[in-house]
PDB file of all heavy atoms in Angstrom:
ATOM      1  N   GLY A   1      84.132 114.756  95.384  1.00  0.00           N
ATOM      2  CA  GLY A   1      82.954 113.961  95.065  1.00  0.00           C
ATOM      3  C   GLY A   1      82.996 112.522  95.544  1.00  0.00           C
ATOM      4  O   GLY A   1      82.080 111.752  95.261  1.00  0.00           O
ATOM      5  N   ILE A   2      84.039 112.100  96.252  1.00  0.00           N
ATOM      6  CA  ILE A   2      84.086 110.738  96.784  1.00  0.00           C
ATOM      7  C   ILE A   2      84.454 110.784  98.262  1.00  0.00           C
ATOM      8  O   ILE A   2      85.090 111.719  98.729  1.00  0.00           O
ATOM      9  CB  ILE A   2      85.104 109.850  96.035  1.00  0.00           C
ATOM     10  CG1 ILE A   2      86.535 110.390  96.210  1.00  0.00           C
ATOM     11  CG2 ILE A   2      84.754 109.718  94.566  1.00  0.00           C
ATOM     12  CD1 ILE A   2      87.599 109.423  95.739  1.00  0.00           C
ATOM     13  N   GLU A   3      84.019 109.766  98.973  1.00  0.00           N
ATOM     14  CA  GLU A   3      84.411 109.601 100.365  1.00  0.00           C
ATOM     15  C   GLU A   3      85.342 108.395 100.458  1.00  0.00           C
ATOM     16  O   GLU A   3      85.107 107.376  99.832  1.00  0.00           O
ATOM     17  CB  GLU A   3      83.189 109.385 101.255  1.00  0.00           C
ATOM     18  CG  GLU A   3      82.285 110.602 101.357  1.00  0.00           C
ATOM     19  CD  GLU A   3      81.146 110.385 102.344  1.00  0.00           C
ATOM     20  OE1 GLU A   3      81.189 109.364 103.060  1.00  0.00           O
ATOM     21  OE2 GLU A   3      80.247 111.226 102.387  1.00  0.00           O
ATOM     22  N   ARG A   4      86.394 108.518 101.225  1.00  0.00           N
ATOM     23  CA  ARG A   4      87.303 107.395 101.380  1.00  0.00           C
ATOM     24  C   ARG A   4      87.865 107.378 102.794  1.00  0.00           C
ATOM     25  O   ARG A   4      87.901 108.410 103.471  1.00  0.00           O
ATOM     26  CB  ARG A   4      88.428 107.455 100.353  1.00  0.00           C
ATOM     27  CG  ARG A   4      89.210 108.755 100.343  1.00  0.00           C
ATOM     28  CD  ARG A   4      90.282 108.737  99.260  1.00  0.00           C
ATOM     29  NE  ARG A   4      90.883 110.043  99.068  1.00  0.00           N
ATOM     30  CZ  ARG A   4      91.893 110.282  98.250  1.00  0.00           C
ATOM     31  NH1 ARG A   4      92.394 109.311  97.541  1.00  0.00           N
ATOM     32  NH2 ARG A   4      92.395 111.493  98.125  1.00  0.00           N
ATOM     33  N   TYR A   5      88.297 106.211 103.190  1.00  0.00           N
ATOM     34  CA  TYR A   5      88.873 106.030 104.516  1.00  0.00           C
ATOM     35  C   TYR A   5      90.168 106.821 104.650  1.00  0.00           C
ATOM     36  O   TYR A   5      91.018 106.804 103.756  1.00  0.00           O
ATOM     37  CB  TYR A   5      89.133 104.544 104.753  1.00  0.00           C
ATOM     38  CG  TYR A   5      89.951 104.249 105.990  1.00  0.00           C
ATOM     39  CD1 TYR A   5      89.435 104.488 107.260  1.00  0.00           C
ATOM     40  CD2 TYR A   5      91.230 103.724 105.882  1.00  0.00           C
ATOM     41  CE1 TYR A   5      90.176 104.214 108.394  1.00  0.00           C
ATOM     42  CE2 TYR A   5      91.986 103.440 107.016  1.00  0.00           C
ATOM     43  CZ  TYR A   5      91.456 103.691 108.263  1.00  0.00           C
ATOM     44  OH  TYR A   5      92.202 103.421 109.380  1.00  0.00           O
ATOM     45  N   LYS A   6      90.308 107.531 105.747  1.00  0.00           N
ATOM     46  CA  LYS A   6      91.531 108.278 106.029  1.00  0.00           C
ATOM     47  C   LYS A   6      92.127 107.775 107.344  1.00  0.00           C
ATOM     48  O   LYS A   6      91.498 107.865 108.392  1.00  0.00           O
ATOM     49  CB  LYS A   6      91.224 109.782 106.111  1.00  0.00           C
ATOM     50  CG  LYS A   6      90.775 110.383 104.782  1.00  0.00           C
ATOM     51  CD  LYS A   6      90.536 111.876 104.894  1.00  0.00           C
ATOM     52  CE  LYS A   6      90.103 112.458 103.547  1.00  0.00           C
ATOM     53  NZ  LYS A   6      89.852 113.918 103.627  1.00  0.00           N
ATOM     54  N   ALA A   7      93.320 107.236 107.241  1.00  0.00           N
ATOM     55  CA  ALA A   7      93.969 106.649 108.408  1.00  0.00           C
ATOM     56  C   ALA A   7      94.563 107.725 109.306  1.00  0.00           C
ATOM     57  O   ALA A   7      94.899 108.825 108.864  1.00  0.00           O
ATOM     58  CB  ALA A   7      95.066 105.688 107.959  1.00  0.00           C
ATOM     59  N   SER A   8      94.731 107.373 110.576  1.00  0.00           N
ATOM     60  CA  SER A   8      95.376 108.275 111.521  1.00  0.00           C
ATOM     61  C   SER A   8      96.859 107.978 111.576  1.00  0.00           C
ATOM     62  O   SER A   8      97.352 107.031 110.967  1.00  0.00           O
ATOM     63  CB  SER A   8      94.754 108.101 112.909  1.00  0.00           C
ATOM     64  OG  SER A   8      94.933 106.762 113.347  1.00  0.00           O
ATOM     65  N   GLY A   9      97.586 108.765 112.330  1.00  0.00           N
ATOM     66  CA  GLY A   9      99.016 108.544 112.506  1.00  0.00           C
ATOM     67  C   GLY A   9      99.817 108.998 111.307  1.00  0.00           C
ATOM     68  O   GLY A   9      99.292 109.485 110.315  1.00  0.00           O
ATOM     69  N   GLY A  10     101.124 108.812 111.386  1.00  0.00           N
ATOM     70  CA  GLY A  10     101.988 109.217 110.286  1.00  0.00           C
ATOM     71  C   GLY A  10     102.042 110.724 110.154  1.00  0.00           C
ATOM     72  O   GLY A  10     101.963 111.467 111.128  1.00  0.00           O
ATOM     73  N   ASN A  11     102.177 111.174 108.914  1.00  0.00           N
ATOM     74  CA  ASN A  11     102.180 112.605 108.647  1.00  0.00           C
ATOM     75  C   ASN A  11     101.292 112.887 107.447  1.00  0.00           C
ATOM     76  O   ASN A  11     100.566 112.007 106.994  1.00  0.00           O
ATOM     77  CB  ASN A  11     103.621 113.090 108.400  1.00  0.00           C
ATOM     78  CG  ASN A  11     104.342 112.227 107.371  1.00  0.00           C
ATOM     79  OD1 ASN A  11     103.769 111.861 106.344  1.00  0.00           O
ATOM     80  ND2 ASN A  11     105.590 111.885 107.646  1.00  0.00           N
ATOM     81  N   ASN A  12     101.308 114.071 106.952  1.00  0.00           N
ATOM     82  CA  ASN A  12     100.397 114.462 105.877  1.00  0.00           C
ATOM     83  C   ASN A  12     101.000 114.277 104.486  1.00  0.00           C
ATOM     84  O   ASN A  12     100.452 114.762 103.502  1.00  0.00           O
ATOM     85  CB  ASN A  12      99.966 115.921 106.061  1.00  0.00           C
ATOM     86  CG  ASN A  12      99.106 116.097 107.296  1.00  0.00           C
ATOM     87  OD1 ASN A  12      98.282 115.237 107.612  1.00  0.00           O
ATOM     88  ND2 ASN A  12      99.317 117.194 108.016  1.00  0.00           N
ATOM     89  N   THR A  13     102.127 113.587 104.396  1.00  0.00           N
ATOM     90  CA  THR A  13     102.754 113.356 103.105  1.00  0.00           C
ATOM     91  C   THR A  13     102.667 111.875 102.738  1.00  0.00           C
ATOM     92  O   THR A  13     102.266 111.038 103.551  1.00  0.00           O
ATOM     93  CB  THR A  13     104.231 113.784 103.131  1.00  0.00           C
ATOM     94  OG1 THR A  13     104.934 112.977 104.090  1.00  0.00           O
ATOM     95  CG2 THR A  13     104.351 115.251 103.514  1.00  0.00           C
ATOM     96  N   SER A  14     103.024 111.549 101.505  1.00  0.00           N
ATOM     97  CA  SER A  14     103.049 110.164 101.052  1.00  0.00           C
ATOM     98  C   SER A  14     104.388 109.882 100.383  1.00  0.00           C
ATOM     99  O   SER A  14     104.746 110.543  99.410  1.00  0.00           O
ATOM    100  CB  SER A  14     101.905 109.890 100.066  1.00  0.00           C
ATOM    101  OG  SER A  14     101.965 108.572  99.579  1.00  0.00           O
ATOM    102  N   ASP A  15     105.124 108.904 100.895  1.00  0.00           N
ATOM    103  CA  ASP A  15     106.389 108.520 100.272  1.00  0.00           C
ATOM    104  C   ASP A  15     106.373 107.050  99.866  1.00  0.00           C
ATOM    105  O   ASP A  15     107.416 106.400  99.780  1.00  0.00           O
ATOM    106  CB  ASP A  15     107.575 108.828 101.184  1.00  0.00           C
ATOM    107  CG  ASP A  15     107.532 108.074 102.511  1.00  0.00           C
ATOM    108  OD1 ASP A  15     106.544 107.351 102.765  1.00  0.00           O
ATOM    109  OD2 ASP A  15     108.492 108.185 103.292  1.00  0.00           O
ATOM    110  N   VAL A  16     105.171 106.503  99.619  1.00  0.00           N
ATOM    111  CA  VAL A  16     105.035 105.118  99.161  1.00  0.00           C
ATOM    112  C   VAL A  16     104.606 105.102  97.701  1.00  0.00           C
ATOM    113  O   VAL A  16     104.114 106.104  97.167  1.00  0.00           O
ATOM    114  CB  VAL A  16     104.011 104.341 100.012  1.00  0.00           C
ATOM    115  CG1 VAL A  16     104.456 104.297 101.462  1.00  0.00           C
ATOM    116  CG2 VAL A  16     102.617 104.951  99.893  1.00  0.00           C
ATOM    117  N   GLU A  17     104.807 103.960  97.043  1.00  0.00           N
ATOM    118  CA  GLU A  17     104.409 103.833  95.638  1.00  0.00           C
ATOM    119  C   GLU A  17     102.905 104.000  95.479  1.00  0.00           C
ATOM    120  O   GLU A  17     102.141 103.711  96.415  1.00  0.00           O
ATOM    121  CB  GLU A  17     104.860 102.475  95.079  1.00  0.00           C
ATOM    122  CG  GLU A  17     103.985 101.283  95.445  1.00  0.00           C
ATOM    123  CD  GLU A  17     104.290 100.638  96.782  1.00  0.00           C
ATOM    124  OE1 GLU A  17     105.132 101.181  97.531  1.00  0.00           O
ATOM    125  OE2 GLU A  17     103.673  99.600  97.099  1.00  0.00           O
ATOM    126  N   ASP A  18     102.460 104.477  94.307  1.00  0.00           N
ATOM    127  CA  ASP A  18     101.023 104.505  94.055  1.00  0.00           C
ATOM    128  C   ASP A  18     100.583 103.341  93.169  1.00  0.00           C
ATOM    129  O   ASP A  18      99.403 103.084  93.010  1.00  0.00           O
ATOM    130  CB  ASP A  18     100.549 105.843  93.479  1.00  0.00           C
ATOM    131  CG  ASP A  18     101.267 106.270  92.223  1.00  0.00           C
ATOM    132  OD1 ASP A  18     101.471 105.426  91.344  1.00  0.00           O
ATOM    133  OD2 ASP A  18     101.611 107.462  92.116  1.00  0.00           O
ATOM    134  N   MET A  19     101.562 102.605  92.595  1.00  0.00           N
ATOM    135  CA  MET A  19     101.234 101.442  91.782  1.00  0.00           C
ATOM    136  C   MET A  19     102.435 100.502  91.734  1.00  0.00           C
ATOM    137  O   MET A  19     103.580 100.946  91.818  1.00  0.00           O
ATOM    138  CB  MET A  19     100.850 101.862  90.357  1.00  0.00           C
ATOM    139  CG  MET A  19     100.459 100.714  89.447  1.00  0.00           C
ATOM    140  SD  MET A  19     100.063 101.278  87.771  1.00  0.00           S
ATOM    141  CE  MET A  19      99.818  99.691  86.967  1.00  0.00           C
ATOM    142  N   CYS A  20     102.155  99.212  91.612  1.00  0.00           N
ATOM    143  CA  CYS A  20     103.225  98.220  91.500  1.00  0.00           C
ATOM    144  C   CYS A  20     102.779  97.099  90.578  1.00  0.00           C
ATOM    145  O   CYS A  20     101.617  96.663  90.618  1.00  0.00           O
ATOM    146  CB  CYS A  20     103.541  97.651  92.890  1.00  0.00           C
ATOM    147  SG  CYS A  20     104.796  96.346  92.877  1.00  0.00           S
ATOM    148  N   VAL A  21     103.689  96.634  89.723  1.00  0.00           N
ATOM    149  CA  VAL A  21     103.450  95.450  88.901  1.00  0.00           C
ATOM    150  C   VAL A  21     104.643  94.510  89.072  1.00  0.00           C
ATOM    151  O   VAL A  21     105.769  94.955  89.329  1.00  0.00           O
ATOM    152  CB  VAL A  21     103.250  95.801  87.409  1.00  0.00           C
ATOM    153  CG1 VAL A  21     101.993  96.619  87.212  1.00  0.00           C
ATOM    154  CG2 VAL A  21     104.457  96.539  86.849  1.00  0.00           C
ATOM    155  N   ALA A  22     104.382  93.215  88.936  1.00  0.00           N
ATOM    156  CA  ALA A  22     105.467  92.253  89.157  1.00  0.00           C
ATOM    157  C   ALA A  22     105.174  90.938  88.452  1.00  0.00           C
ATOM    158  O   ALA A  22     104.023  90.622  88.122  1.00  0.00           O
ATOM    159  CB  ALA A  22     105.657  92.009  90.645  1.00  0.00           C
ATOM    160  N   MET A  23     106.215  90.161  88.243  1.00  0.00           N
ATOM    161  CA  MET A  23     106.097  88.790  87.762  1.00  0.00           C
ATOM    162  C   MET A  23     106.956  87.900  88.643  1.00  0.00           C
ATOM    163  O   MET A  23     108.137  88.185  88.869  1.00  0.00           O
ATOM    164  CB  MET A  23     106.547  88.653  86.310  1.00  0.00           C
ATOM    165  CG  MET A  23     106.299  87.251  85.764  1.00  0.00           C
ATOM    166  SD  MET A  23     106.769  87.037  84.023  1.00  0.00           S
ATOM    167  CE  MET A  23     108.542  86.837  84.209  1.00  0.00           C
ATOM    168  N   ILE A  24     106.344  86.842  89.158  1.00  0.00           N
ATOM    169  CA  ILE A  24     107.018  85.920  90.068  1.00  0.00           C
ATOM    170  C   ILE A  24     107.104  84.554  89.402  1.00  0.00           C
ATOM    171  O   ILE A  24     106.079  83.999  88.971  1.00  0.00           O
ATOM    172  CB  ILE A  24     106.247  85.790  91.396  1.00  0.00           C
ATOM    173  CG1 ILE A  24     106.019  87.177  92.020  1.00  0.00           C
ATOM    174  CG2 ILE A  24     106.983  84.876  92.367  1.00  0.00           C
ATOM    175  CD1 ILE A  24     104.809  87.243  92.905  1.00  0.00           C
ATOM    176  N   ARG A  25     108.307  84.009  89.315  1.00  0.00           N
ATOM    177  CA  ARG A  25     108.515  82.643  88.823  1.00  0.00           C
ATOM    178  C   ARG A  25     108.719  81.719  90.023  1.00  0.00           C
ATOM    179  O   ARG A  25     109.449  82.062  90.955  1.00  0.00           O
ATOM    180  CB  ARG A  25     109.743  82.569  87.909  1.00  0.00           C
ATOM    181  CG  ARG A  25     109.614  83.343  86.607  1.00  0.00           C
ATOM    182  CD  ARG A  25     110.922  83.232  85.823  1.00  0.00           C
ATOM    183  NE  ARG A  25     110.891  84.005  84.598  1.00  0.00           N
ATOM    184  CZ  ARG A  25     110.507  83.538  83.415  1.00  0.00           C
ATOM    185  NH1 ARG A  25     110.122  82.279  83.313  1.00  0.00           N
ATOM    186  NH2 ARG A  25     110.517  84.308  82.347  1.00  0.00           N
ATOM    187  N   PHE A  26     108.084  80.537  89.969  1.00  0.00           N
ATOM    188  CA  PHE A  26     108.201  79.574  91.056  1.00  0.00           C
ATOM    189  C   PHE A  26     108.981  78.344  90.617  1.00  0.00           C
ATOM    190  O   PHE A  26     109.153  78.078  89.416  1.00  0.00           O
ATOM    191  CB  PHE A  26     106.812  79.176  91.552  1.00  0.00           C
ATOM    192  CG  PHE A  26     106.026  80.315  92.132  1.00  0.00           C
ATOM    193  CD1 PHE A  26     105.071  80.982  91.372  1.00  0.00           C
ATOM    194  CD2 PHE A  26     106.244  80.739  93.432  1.00  0.00           C
ATOM    195  CE1 PHE A  26     104.350  82.037  91.899  1.00  0.00           C
ATOM    196  CE2 PHE A  26     105.534  81.796  93.971  1.00  0.00           C
ATOM    197  CZ  PHE A  26     104.578  82.448  93.203  1.00  0.00           C
ATOM    198  N   ASP A  27     109.431  77.584  91.620  1.00  0.00           N
ATOM    199  CA  ASP A  27     110.305  76.450  91.331  1.00  0.00           C
ATOM    200  C   ASP A  27     109.607  75.315  90.580  1.00  0.00           C
ATOM    201  O   ASP A  27     110.268  74.446  90.020  1.00  0.00           O
ATOM    202  CB  ASP A  27     110.935  75.923  92.620  1.00  0.00           C
ATOM    203  CG  ASP A  27     109.911  75.358  93.596  1.00  0.00           C
ATOM    204  OD1 ASP A  27     108.701  75.608  93.425  1.00  0.00           O
ATOM    205  OD2 ASP A  27     110.319  74.649  94.543  1.00  0.00           O
ATOM    206  N   ASP A  28     108.277  75.296  90.560  1.00  0.00           N
ATOM    207  CA  ASP A  28     107.558  74.243  89.829  1.00  0.00           C
ATOM    208  C   ASP A  28     107.213  74.668  88.404  1.00  0.00           C
ATOM    209  O   ASP A  28     106.460  73.988  87.710  1.00  0.00           O
ATOM    210  CB  ASP A  28     106.286  73.847  90.577  1.00  0.00           C
ATOM    211  CG  ASP A  28     105.252  74.966  90.664  1.00  0.00           C
ATOM    212  OD1 ASP A  28     105.580  76.117  90.282  1.00  0.00           O
ATOM    213  OD2 ASP A  28     104.123  74.701  91.114  1.00  0.00           O
TER     214      ASP A  28
END
């Protein structure tokens, strides 16, 4: 029921994260 962009290249599997959360502290 949805259309989405499909990239070329690579292969038909996914080995990357599907979500990421983080906290970054800076020197100031």
